Amino acid sequence: MTLNCPCPTATQPMTPTETYQLTVRMETYGGKFISSLAVAIRYADPINKNKLLAAFPDRS
């Protein structure tokens, strides 16, 4: 089954700069949970960082 989604089927991994900018915005504009998640992403090792980013994909 396919959804009529304009988004690409495969995404490129974020660069370290993009990941940092993401976490800054999460801390600035997010609530308590999102701010805490930003800190976890920032301090996670690469394997756990990828797990966190995969568990909470962008839904916009």
PDB file of N, CA and C in Angstrom:
ATOM      1  N   MET A   1       0.844  -1.171   0.000  1.00  0.00           N
ATOM      2  CA  MET A   1       0.000   0.000   0.000  1.00  0.00           C
ATOM      3  C   MET A   1       0.890   1.235   0.000  1.00  0.00           C
ATOM      4  N   THR A   2       0.543   2.200  -0.810  1.00  0.00           N
ATOM      5  CA  THR A   2       1.302   3.446  -0.872  1.00  0.00           C
ATOM      6  C   THR A   2       0.411   4.619  -0.496  1.00  0.00           C
ATOM      7  N   LEU A   3       1.001   5.526   0.212  1.00  0.00           N
ATOM      8  CA  LEU A   3       0.293   6.750   0.556  1.00  0.00           C
ATOM      9  C   LEU A   3       0.650   7.822  -0.460  1.00  0.00           C
ATOM     10  N   ASN A   4      -0.246   8.719  -0.692  1.00  0.00           N
ATOM     11  CA  ASN A   4       0.036   9.830  -1.601  1.00  0.00           C
ATOM     12  C   ASN A   4       0.805  10.905  -0.851  1.00  0.00           C
ATOM     13  N   CYS A   5       2.051  10.616  -0.598  1.00  0.00           N
ATOM     14  CA  CYS A   5       2.906  11.507   0.175  1.00  0.00           C
ATOM     15  C   CYS A   5       3.966  12.115  -0.738  1.00  0.00           C
ATOM     16  N   PRO A   6       4.115  13.450  -0.723  1.00  0.00           N
ATOM     17  CA  PRO A   6       5.147  14.067  -1.552  1.00  0.00           C
ATOM     18  C   PRO A   6       6.556  13.873  -0.999  1.00  0.00           C
ATOM     19  N   CYS A   7       6.674  13.279   0.174  1.00  0.00           N
ATOM     20  CA  CYS A   7       7.989  13.107   0.775  1.00  0.00           C
ATOM     21  C   CYS A   7       8.750  11.966   0.091  1.00  0.00           C
ATOM     22  N   PRO A   8      10.070  12.040   0.079  1.00  0.00           N
ATOM     23  CA  PRO A   8      10.848  10.982  -0.557  1.00  0.00           C
ATOM     24  C   PRO A   8      10.744   9.676   0.212  1.00  0.00           C
ATOM     25  N   THR A   9      10.920   8.569  -0.498  1.00  0.00           N
ATOM     26  CA  THR A   9      10.838   7.271   0.158  1.00  0.00           C
ATOM     27  C   THR A   9      12.098   6.976   0.965  1.00  0.00           C
ATOM     28  N   ALA A  10      13.220   7.547   0.574  1.00  0.00           N
ATOM     29  CA  ALA A  10      14.469   7.374   1.310  1.00  0.00           C
ATOM     30  C   ALA A  10      14.996   8.749   1.705  1.00  0.00           C
ATOM     31  N   THR A  11      15.481   8.861   2.891  1.00  0.00           N
ATOM     32  CA  THR A  11      16.003  10.142   3.345  1.00  0.00           C
ATOM     33  C   THR A  11      17.500  10.054   3.556  1.00  0.00           C
ATOM     34  N   GLN A  12      18.146  11.180   3.452  1.00  0.00           N
ATOM     35  CA  GLN A  12      19.576  11.256   3.683  1.00  0.00           C
ATOM     36  C   GLN A  12      19.813  11.493   5.169  1.00  0.00           C
ATOM     37  N   PRO A  13      20.859  10.896   5.730  1.00  0.00           N
ATOM     38  CA  PRO A  13      21.155  11.164   7.141  1.00  0.00           C
ATOM     39  C   PRO A  13      21.531  12.631   7.339  1.00  0.00           C
ATOM     40  N   MET A  14      21.211  13.136   8.506  1.00  0.00           N
ATOM     41  CA  MET A  14      21.554  14.524   8.810  1.00  0.00           C
ATOM     42  C   MET A  14      23.050  14.653   9.050  1.00  0.00           C
ATOM     43  N   THR A  15      23.571  15.804   8.698  1.00  0.00           N
ATOM     44  CA  THR A  15      24.968  16.106   8.995  1.00  0.00           C
ATOM     45  C   THR A  15      25.069  16.455  10.478  1.00  0.00           C
ATOM     46  N   PRO A  16      26.262  16.428  11.051  1.00  0.00           N
ATOM     47  CA  PRO A  16      26.411  16.839  12.453  1.00  0.00           C
ATOM     48  C   PRO A  16      25.906  18.263  12.699  1.00  0.00           C
ATOM     49  N   THR A  17      26.119  19.158  11.746  1.00  0.00           N
ATOM     50  CA  THR A  17      25.631  20.536  11.892  1.00  0.00           C
ATOM     51  C   THR A  17      24.112  20.572  11.915  1.00  0.00           C
ATOM     52  N   GLU A  18      23.464  19.811  11.035  1.00  0.00           N
ATOM     53  CA  GLU A  18      22.001  19.765  11.014  1.00  0.00           C
ATOM     54  C   GLU A  18      21.449  19.158  12.299  1.00  0.00           C
ATOM     55  N   THR A  19      22.108  18.130  12.812  1.00  0.00           N
ATOM     56  CA  THR A  19      21.675  17.514  14.067  1.00  0.00           C
ATOM     57  C   THR A  19      21.785  18.507  15.217  1.00  0.00           C
ATOM     58  N   TYR A  20      22.882  19.260  15.249  1.00  0.00           N
ATOM     59  CA  TYR A  20      23.055  20.266  16.299  1.00  0.00           C
ATOM     60  C   TYR A  20      21.971  21.337  16.195  1.00  0.00           C
ATOM     61  N   GLN A  21      21.719  21.824  14.985  1.00  0.00           N
ATOM     62  CA  GLN A  21      20.691  22.853  14.799  1.00  0.00           C
ATOM     63  C   GLN A  21      19.316  22.332  15.206  1.00  0.00           C
ATOM     64  N   LEU A  22      19.046  21.062  14.903  1.00  0.00           N
ATOM     65  CA  LEU A  22      17.789  20.436  15.310  1.00  0.00           C
ATOM     66  C   LEU A  22      17.646  20.451  16.827  1.00  0.00           C
ATOM     67  N   THR A  23      18.709  20.034  17.534  1.00  0.00           N
ATOM     68  CA  THR A  23      18.614  19.955  18.993  1.00  0.00           C
ATOM     69  C   THR A  23      18.506  21.342  19.631  1.00  0.00           C
ATOM     70  N   VAL A  24      19.145  22.341  19.043  1.00  0.00           N
ATOM     71  CA  VAL A  24      19.016  23.714  19.560  1.00  0.00           C
ATOM     72  C   VAL A  24      17.568  24.172  19.435  1.00  0.00           C
ATOM     73  N   ARG A  25      16.954  23.913  18.292  1.00  0.00           N
ATOM     74  CA  ARG A  25      15.552  24.307  18.098  1.00  0.00           C
ATOM     75  C   ARG A  25      14.619  23.525  19.017  1.00  0.00           C
ATOM     76  N   MET A  26      14.926  22.242  19.208  1.00  0.00           N
ATOM     77  CA  MET A  26      14.101  21.435  20.113  1.00  0.00           C
ATOM     78  C   MET A  26      14.158  21.998  21.527  1.00  0.00           C
ATOM     79  N   GLU A  27      15.359  22.376  21.983  1.00  0.00           N
ATOM     80  CA  GLU A  27      15.494  22.938  23.337  1.00  0.00           C
ATOM     81  C   GLU A  27      14.834  24.301  23.448  1.00  0.00           C
ATOM     82  N   THR A  28      14.921  25.095  22.388  1.00  0.00           N
ATOM     83  CA  THR A  28      14.386  26.452  22.415  1.00  0.00           C
ATOM     84  C   THR A  28      12.867  26.481  22.340  1.00  0.00           C
ATOM     85  N   TYR A  29      12.302  25.694  21.421  1.00  0.00           N
ATOM     86  CA  TYR A  29      10.871  25.790  21.140  1.00  0.00           C
ATOM     87  C   TYR A  29      10.045  24.628  21.665  1.00  0.00           C
ATOM     88  N   GLY A  30      10.681  23.567  22.119  1.00  0.00           N
ATOM     89  CA  GLY A  30       9.945  22.398  22.593  1.00  0.00           C
ATOM     90  C   GLY A  30       9.573  22.507  24.055  1.00  0.00           C
ATOM     91  N   GLY A  31       8.682  21.644  24.447  1.00  0.00           N
ATOM     92  CA  GLY A  31       8.314  21.564  25.852  1.00  0.00           C
ATOM     93  C   GLY A  31       9.348  20.760  26.627  1.00  0.00           C
ATOM     94  N   LYS A  32       8.989  20.360  27.829  1.00  0.00           N
ATOM     95  CA  LYS A  32       9.912  19.638  28.709  1.00  0.00           C
ATOM     96  C   LYS A  32      10.382  18.318  28.081  1.00  0.00           C
ATOM     97  N   PHE A  33       9.465  17.547  27.514  1.00  0.00           N
ATOM     98  CA  PHE A  33       9.833  16.260  26.923  1.00  0.00           C
ATOM     99  C   PHE A  33      10.766  16.456  25.728  1.00  0.00           C
ATOM    100  N   ILE A  34      10.415  17.364  24.837  1.00  0.00           N
ATOM    101  CA  ILE A  34      11.222  17.589  23.636  1.00  0.00           C
ATOM    102  C   ILE A  34      12.588  18.164  24.014  1.00  0.00           C
ATOM    103  N   SER A  35      12.623  19.041  24.994  1.00  0.00           N
ATOM    104  CA  SER A  35      13.910  19.590  25.451  1.00  0.00           C
ATOM    105  C   SER A  35      14.806  18.487  26.022  1.00  0.00           C
ATOM    106  N   SER A  36      14.218  17.603  26.791  1.00  0.00           N
ATOM    107  CA  SER A  36      14.977  16.483  27.358  1.00  0.00           C
ATOM    108  C   SER A  36      15.448  15.531  26.263  1.00  0.00           C
ATOM    109  N   LEU A  37      14.619  15.316  25.266  1.00  0.00           N
ATOM    110  CA  LEU A  37      14.994  14.473  24.136  1.00  0.00           C
ATOM    111  C   LEU A  37      16.166  15.097  23.363  1.00  0.00           C
ATOM    112  N   ALA A  38      16.161  16.416  23.232  1.00  0.00           N
ATOM    113  CA  ALA A  38      17.259  17.111  22.559  1.00  0.00           C
ATOM    114  C   ALA A  38      18.578  16.868  23.283  1.00  0.00           C
ATOM    115  N   VAL A  39      18.554  16.945  24.602  1.00  0.00           N
ATOM    116  CA  VAL A  39      19.770  16.699  25.386  1.00  0.00           C
ATOM    117  C   VAL A  39      20.232  15.256  25.193  1.00  0.00           C
ATOM    118  N   ALA A  40      19.281  14.323  25.202  1.00  0.00           N
ATOM    119  CA  ALA A  40      19.631  12.912  25.008  1.00  0.00           C
ATOM    120  C   ALA A  40      20.262  12.689  23.634  1.00  0.00           C
ATOM    121  N   ILE A  41      19.706  13.309  22.608  1.00  0.00           N
ATOM    122  CA  ILE A  41      20.262  13.178  21.259  1.00  0.00           C
ATOM    123  C   ILE A  41      21.665  13.762  21.207  1.00  0.00           C
ATOM    124  N   ARG A  42      21.844  14.903  21.824  1.00  0.00           N
ATOM    125  CA  ARG A  42      23.143  15.575  21.773  1.00  0.00           C
ATOM    126  C   ARG A  42      24.249  14.748  22.444  1.00  0.00           C
ATOM    127  N   TYR A  43      23.940  14.087  23.541  1.00  0.00           N
ATOM    128  CA  TYR A  43      24.962  13.359  24.296  1.00  0.00           C
ATOM    129  C   TYR A  43      25.040  11.868  23.966  1.00  0.00           C
ATOM    130  N   ALA A  44      24.141  11.375  23.122  1.00  0.00           N
ATOM    131  CA  ALA A  44      24.127   9.946  22.801  1.00  0.00           C
ATOM    132  C   ALA A  44      25.303   9.562  21.903  1.00  0.00           C
ATOM    133  N   ASP A  45      25.727   8.306  22.043  1.00  0.00           N
ATOM    134  CA  ASP A  45      26.727   7.780  21.114  1.00  0.00           C
ATOM    135  C   ASP A  45      26.030   7.598  19.758  1.00  0.00           C
ATOM    136  N   PRO A  46      26.794   7.399  18.677  1.00  0.00           N
ATOM    137  CA  PRO A  46      26.188   7.323  17.344  1.00  0.00           C
ATOM    138  C   PRO A  46      25.081   6.277  17.195  1.00  0.00           C
ATOM    139  N   ILE A  47      25.236   5.125  17.806  1.00  0.00           N
ATOM    140  CA  ILE A  47      24.219   4.077  17.682  1.00  0.00           C
ATOM    141  C   ILE A  47      22.916   4.509  18.353  1.00  0.00           C
ATOM    142  N   ASN A  48      23.011   5.007  19.579  1.00  0.00           N
ATOM    143  CA  ASN A  48      21.807   5.437  20.295  1.00  0.00           C
ATOM    144  C   ASN A  48      21.214   6.703  19.699  1.00  0.00           C
ATOM    145  N   LYS A  49      22.044   7.587  19.158  1.00  0.00           N
ATOM    146  CA  LYS A  49      21.539   8.789  18.496  1.00  0.00           C
ATOM    147  C   LYS A  49      20.670   8.389  17.299  1.00  0.00           C
ATOM    148  N   ASN A  50      21.139   7.426  16.508  1.00  0.00           N
ATOM    149  CA  ASN A  50      20.357   6.960  15.365  1.00  0.00           C
ATOM    150  C   ASN A  50      19.051   6.304  15.813  1.00  0.00           C
ATOM    151  N   LYS A  51      19.088   5.575  16.924  1.00  0.00           N
ATOM    152  CA  LYS A  51      17.872   4.961  17.454  1.00  0.00           C
ATOM    153  C   LYS A  51      16.863   6.034  17.863  1.00  0.00           C
ATOM    154  N   LEU A  52      17.334   7.071  18.552  1.00  0.00           N
ATOM    155  CA  LEU A  52      16.442   8.148  18.962  1.00  0.00           C
ATOM    156  C   LEU A  52      15.836   8.881  17.769  1.00  0.00           C
ATOM    157  N   LEU A  53      16.665   9.186  16.786  1.00  0.00           N
ATOM    158  CA  LEU A  53      16.171   9.898  15.616  1.00  0.00           C
ATOM    159  C   LEU A  53      15.187   9.038  14.816  1.00  0.00           C
ATOM    160  N   ALA A  54      15.401   7.723  14.786  1.00  0.00           N
ATOM    161  CA  ALA A  54      14.490   6.827  14.087  1.00  0.00           C
ATOM    162  C   ALA A  54      13.184   6.649  14.853  1.00  0.00           C
ATOM    163  N   ALA A  55      13.246   6.682  16.183  1.00  0.00           N
ATOM    164  CA  ALA A  55      12.050   6.496  17.003  1.00  0.00           C
ATOM    165  C   ALA A  55      11.122   7.695  16.972  1.00  0.00           C
ATOM    166  N   PHE A  56      11.684   8.874  16.719  1.00  0.00           N
ATOM    167  CA  PHE A  56      10.899  10.100  16.695  1.00  0.00           C
ATOM    168  C   PHE A  56      11.125  10.842  15.367  1.00  0.00           C
ATOM    169  N   PRO A  57      10.615  10.275  14.252  1.00  0.00           N
ATOM    170  CA  PRO A  57      10.836  10.916  12.962  1.00  0.00           C
ATOM    171  C   PRO A  57      10.022  12.202  12.826  1.00  0.00           C
ATOM    172  N   ASP A  58      10.441  13.033  11.905  1.00  0.00           N
ATOM    173  CA  ASP A  58       9.731  14.273  11.611  1.00  0.00           C
ATOM    174  C   ASP A  58       8.366  13.942  11.014  1.00  0.00           C
ATOM    175  N   ARG A  59       7.335  14.491  11.563  1.00  0.00           N
ATOM    176  CA  ARG A  59       5.975  14.219  11.070  1.00  0.00           C
ATOM    177  C   ARG A  59       5.361  15.419  10.363  1.00  0.00           C
ATOM    178  N   SER A  60       6.165  16.423  10.022  1.00  0.00           N
ATOM    179  CA  SER A  60       5.581  17.622   9.402  1.00  0.00           C
ATOM    180  C   SER A  60       5.299  17.427   7.943  1.00  0.00           C
TER     181      SER A  60
END
